Amino acid sequence: MIHNYGMFSVEGNNAVHLIVENALKNNLRWIDVYRELQDLSFTEGFEEAMDTEVREIVYEMLESTDNFYDGDDSDGQPDEAQEWHDYDPDC
């Protein structure tokens, strides 16, 4: 069976499918799957694993109830362990 997750190659779709299968089998949270997609995107030839289309398809396949944007740590704000002066040197 061919699975299309919006990757640019059959190998990419197969790699994402393995992530989806593992997530379903082990009841992983969205943040965990997001990080696996992020790790995959650092692999040459699979950079598009973090494209919005790929993430949306994976999210739908998982039927996740987690917030889709919970995986994105880059909200531009310091986390609770940081002080503004550590985060923004101009502050």
N, C-alpha and C. Protein backbone atom coordinates (compact mmCIF):
# COMPACT_ATOMS: atom_id res chain seq x y z
N MET A 1 0.84 -1.18 0.00
CA MET A 1 0.00 0.00 0.00
C MET A 1 0.89 1.25 0.00
N ILE A 2 0.52 2.21 -0.82
CA ILE A 2 1.27 3.45 -0.91
C ILE A 2 0.62 4.49 0.00
N HIS A 3 1.42 5.10 0.84
CA HIS A 3 0.94 6.14 1.75
C HIS A 3 1.53 7.45 1.29
N ASN A 4 0.69 8.47 1.19
CA ASN A 4 1.17 9.78 0.76
C ASN A 4 1.03 10.77 1.91
N TYR A 5 2.18 11.18 2.41
CA TYR A 5 2.21 12.15 3.50
C TYR A 5 2.72 13.51 3.02
N GLY A 6 2.80 13.68 1.71
CA GLY A 6 3.26 14.95 1.17
C GLY A 6 4.77 15.05 1.05
N MET A 7 5.46 13.93 1.24
CA MET A 7 6.90 13.92 1.08
C MET A 7 7.22 13.89 -0.41
N PHE A 8 8.44 14.25 -0.77
CA PHE A 8 8.83 14.37 -2.17
C PHE A 8 9.26 13.04 -2.80
N SER A 9 9.34 11.98 -2.00
CA SER A 9 9.79 10.70 -2.54
C SER A 9 9.05 9.56 -1.86
N VAL A 10 9.10 8.40 -2.49
CA VAL A 10 8.52 7.19 -1.91
C VAL A 10 9.23 6.87 -0.60
N GLU A 11 10.55 7.03 -0.60
CA GLU A 11 11.33 6.76 0.60
C GLU A 11 10.92 7.68 1.74
N GLY A 12 10.67 8.94 1.41
CA GLY A 12 10.22 9.90 2.42
C GLY A 12 8.87 9.54 2.98
N ASN A 13 7.94 9.17 2.10
CA ASN A 13 6.62 8.75 2.57
C ASN A 13 6.71 7.50 3.43
N ASN A 14 7.59 6.57 3.05
CA ASN A 14 7.77 5.36 3.85
C ASN A 14 8.35 5.68 5.23
N ALA A 15 9.29 6.62 5.28
CA ALA A 15 9.89 7.01 6.56
C ALA A 15 8.85 7.64 7.48
N VAL A 16 8.02 8.50 6.92
CA VAL A 16 6.97 9.14 7.72
C VAL A 16 5.94 8.10 8.14
N HIS A 17 5.64 7.16 7.26
CA HIS A 17 4.68 6.11 7.62
C HIS A 17 5.17 5.30 8.81
N LEU A 18 6.47 5.02 8.86
CA LEU A 18 7.02 4.31 10.02
C LEU A 18 6.81 5.11 11.31
N ILE A 19 6.97 6.41 11.22
CA ILE A 19 6.73 7.27 12.38
C ILE A 19 5.27 7.19 12.80
N VAL A 20 4.36 7.25 11.83
CA VAL A 20 2.93 7.17 12.13
C VAL A 20 2.57 5.82 12.75
N GLU A 21 3.07 4.74 12.15
CA GLU A 21 2.79 3.41 12.70
C GLU A 21 3.30 3.28 14.13
N ASN A 22 4.51 3.75 14.37
CA ASN A 22 5.08 3.70 15.72
C ASN A 22 4.24 4.52 16.70
N ALA A 23 3.80 5.69 16.25
CA ALA A 23 3.00 6.56 17.12
C ALA A 23 1.67 5.90 17.48
N LEU A 24 1.03 5.29 16.50
CA LEU A 24 -0.25 4.63 16.76
C LEU A 24 -0.07 3.41 17.66
N LYS A 25 0.96 2.64 17.39
CA LYS A 25 1.21 1.42 18.17
C LYS A 25 1.52 1.75 19.63
N ASN A 26 2.27 2.83 19.84
CA ASN A 26 2.72 3.18 21.19
C ASN A 26 1.97 4.35 21.81
N ASN A 27 0.88 4.77 21.14
CA ASN A 27 0.03 5.84 21.67
C ASN A 27 0.85 7.09 22.03
N LEU A 28 1.70 7.51 21.10
CA LEU A 28 2.55 8.67 21.35
C LEU A 28 1.75 9.96 21.28
N ARG A 29 2.18 10.94 22.03
CA ARG A 29 1.56 12.26 22.00
C ARG A 29 2.04 13.00 20.75
N TRP A 30 1.30 14.04 20.36
CA TRP A 30 1.65 14.82 19.17
C TRP A 30 3.05 15.41 19.29
N ILE A 31 3.40 15.92 20.47
CA ILE A 31 4.71 16.54 20.65
C ILE A 31 5.83 15.54 20.35
N ASP A 32 5.62 14.28 20.72
CA ASP A 32 6.63 13.24 20.46
C ASP A 32 6.75 12.95 18.97
N VAL A 33 5.61 12.90 18.28
CA VAL A 33 5.61 12.67 16.84
C VAL A 33 6.22 13.88 16.12
N TYR A 34 5.87 15.06 16.57
CA TYR A 34 6.42 16.30 16.01
C TYR A 34 7.95 16.26 16.06
N ARG A 35 8.48 15.85 17.20
CA ARG A 35 9.94 15.79 17.35
C ARG A 35 10.56 14.73 16.45
N GLU A 36 9.86 13.62 16.25
CA GLU A 36 10.38 12.60 15.32
C GLU A 36 10.40 13.14 13.89
N LEU A 37 9.35 13.88 13.51
CA LEU A 37 9.34 14.50 12.18
C LEU A 37 10.47 15.52 12.07
N GLN A 38 10.69 16.25 13.13
CA GLN A 38 11.77 17.24 13.14
C GLN A 38 13.13 16.55 12.97
N ASP A 39 13.34 15.47 13.69
CA ASP A 39 14.58 14.71 13.55
C ASP A 39 14.75 14.21 12.12
N LEU A 40 13.67 13.68 11.54
CA LEU A 40 13.73 13.19 10.17
C LEU A 40 14.09 14.31 9.20
N SER A 41 13.57 15.51 9.47
CA SER A 41 13.82 16.64 8.56
C SER A 41 15.29 17.05 8.52
N PHE A 42 16.07 16.65 9.51
CA PHE A 42 17.50 16.96 9.53
C PHE A 42 18.31 15.96 8.69
N THR A 43 17.63 14.94 8.17
CA THR A 43 18.28 13.92 7.35
C THR A 43 18.23 14.36 5.88
N GLU A 44 19.36 14.33 5.22
CA GLU A 44 19.42 14.73 3.82
C GLU A 44 18.42 13.93 2.99
N GLY A 45 17.64 14.64 2.20
CA GLY A 45 16.63 14.01 1.36
C GLY A 45 15.25 13.96 1.98
N PHE A 46 15.16 14.30 3.27
CA PHE A 46 13.88 14.27 3.98
C PHE A 46 13.56 15.61 4.65
N GLU A 47 14.16 16.67 4.14
CA GLU A 47 14.03 17.99 4.77
C GLU A 47 12.58 18.47 4.84
N GLU A 48 11.74 18.01 3.94
CA GLU A 48 10.35 18.47 3.91
C GLU A 48 9.47 17.83 4.98
N ALA A 49 10.05 16.99 5.83
CA ALA A 49 9.26 16.33 6.88
C ALA A 49 8.61 17.33 7.84
N MET A 50 9.13 18.55 7.91
CA MET A 50 8.52 19.57 8.78
C MET A 50 7.63 20.54 8.01
N ASP A 51 7.41 20.29 6.72
CA ASP A 51 6.48 21.13 5.96
C ASP A 51 5.09 21.03 6.58
N THR A 52 4.35 22.10 6.51
CA THR A 52 3.01 22.13 7.10
C THR A 52 2.14 21.01 6.54
N GLU A 53 2.20 20.79 5.24
CA GLU A 53 1.36 19.75 4.63
C GLU A 53 1.64 18.38 5.24
N VAL A 54 2.90 18.05 5.40
CA VAL A 54 3.28 16.75 5.98
C VAL A 54 2.77 16.66 7.41
N ARG A 55 3.01 17.69 8.20
CA ARG A 55 2.56 17.67 9.60
C ARG A 55 1.05 17.57 9.72
N GLU A 56 0.32 18.27 8.84
CA GLU A 56 -1.15 18.22 8.89
C GLU A 56 -1.66 16.82 8.56
N ILE A 57 -1.07 16.18 7.54
CA ILE A 57 -1.50 14.83 7.16
C ILE A 57 -1.21 13.86 8.29
N VAL A 58 -0.03 13.93 8.88
CA VAL A 58 0.33 13.05 9.99
C VAL A 58 -0.62 13.28 11.17
N TYR A 59 -0.86 14.52 11.49
CA TYR A 59 -1.75 14.88 12.61
C TYR A 59 -3.14 14.26 12.39
N GLU A 60 -3.66 14.36 11.18
CA GLU A 60 -4.97 13.79 10.87
C GLU A 60 -4.95 12.26 10.95
N MET A 61 -3.87 11.65 10.48
CA MET A 61 -3.76 10.19 10.54
C MET A 61 -3.76 9.69 11.99
N LEU A 62 -3.19 10.48 12.87
CA LEU A 62 -3.13 10.10 14.28
C LEU A 62 -4.44 10.34 15.01
N GLU A 63 -5.33 11.12 14.38
CA GLU A 63 -6.58 11.52 15.02
C GLU A 63 -6.28 12.11 16.39
N SER A 64 -5.26 12.92 16.42
CA SER A 64 -4.80 13.52 17.67
C SER A 64 -5.78 14.56 18.19
N THR A 65 -5.88 14.62 19.51
CA THR A 65 -6.69 15.67 20.14
C THR A 65 -5.78 16.72 20.77
N ASP A 66 -4.46 16.51 20.67
CA ASP A 66 -3.51 17.50 21.17
C ASP A 66 -3.54 18.73 20.28
N ASN A 67 -3.14 19.85 20.82
CA ASN A 67 -3.06 21.08 20.05
C ASN A 67 -2.00 20.92 18.97
N PHE A 68 -2.38 21.18 17.72
CA PHE A 68 -1.47 21.03 16.57
C PHE A 68 -0.21 21.86 16.75
N TYR A 69 -0.32 23.02 17.37
CA TYR A 69 0.81 23.94 17.49
C TYR A 69 1.65 23.69 18.74
N ASP A 70 1.31 22.70 19.55
CA ASP A 70 2.09 22.42 20.76
C ASP A 70 3.51 21.96 20.44
N GLY A 71 3.74 21.47 19.24
CA GLY A 71 5.07 21.02 18.89
C GLY A 71 6.02 22.14 18.54
N ASP A 72 5.48 23.32 18.28
CA ASP A 72 6.30 24.44 17.84
C ASP A 72 6.80 25.22 19.04
N ASP A 73 8.06 25.03 19.36
CA ASP A 73 8.66 25.71 20.52
C ASP A 73 9.14 27.11 20.20
N SER A 74 9.02 27.54 18.95
CA SER A 74 9.60 28.81 18.55
C SER A 74 8.54 29.91 18.53
N ASP A 75 7.94 30.18 19.67
CA ASP A 75 6.88 31.20 19.71
C ASP A 75 7.44 32.60 19.91
N GLY A 76 8.76 32.72 20.00
CA GLY A 76 9.37 34.03 20.15
C GLY A 76 9.37 34.55 21.58
N GLN A 77 8.91 33.75 22.51
CA GLN A 77 8.84 34.17 23.91
C GLN A 77 9.79 33.30 24.73
N PRO A 78 10.36 33.85 25.79
CA PRO A 78 11.20 33.03 26.66
C PRO A 78 10.33 32.04 27.42
N ASP A 79 10.89 30.87 27.71
CA ASP A 79 10.10 29.94 28.52
C ASP A 79 10.19 30.37 29.98
N GLU A 80 9.46 29.69 30.83
CA GLU A 80 9.37 30.14 32.22
C GLU A 80 10.68 30.05 32.98
N ALA A 81 11.64 29.28 32.45
CA ALA A 81 12.94 29.16 33.11
C ALA A 81 13.91 30.25 32.68
N GLN A 82 13.53 31.06 31.70
CA GLN A 82 14.42 32.10 31.21
C GLN A 82 13.98 33.48 31.70
N GLU A 83 14.92 34.33 31.83
CA GLU A 83 14.64 35.73 32.12
C GLU A 83 14.72 36.50 30.81
N TRP A 84 14.03 37.61 30.70
CA TRP A 84 14.05 38.39 29.48
C TRP A 84 15.46 38.82 29.09
N HIS A 85 16.26 39.20 30.06
CA HIS A 85 17.61 39.67 29.72
C HIS A 85 18.47 38.54 29.18
N ASP A 86 18.16 37.28 29.53
CA ASP A 86 18.88 36.14 28.97
C ASP A 86 18.40 35.85 27.54
N TYR A 87 17.16 36.12 27.30
CA TYR A 87 16.55 35.80 26.00
C TYR A 87 16.80 36.91 24.98
N ASP A 88 16.70 38.15 25.43
CA ASP A 88 16.84 39.31 24.54
C ASP A 88 17.96 40.20 25.08
N PRO A 89 19.12 40.15 24.46
CA PRO A 89 20.25 40.93 24.97
C PRO A 89 20.02 42.43 24.91
N ASP A 90 19.07 42.90 24.11
CA ASP A 90 18.77 44.32 24.03
C ASP A 90 17.79 44.77 25.10
N CYS A 91 17.33 43.85 25.90
CA CYS A 91 16.31 44.17 26.91
C CYS A 91 16.94 44.87 28.11
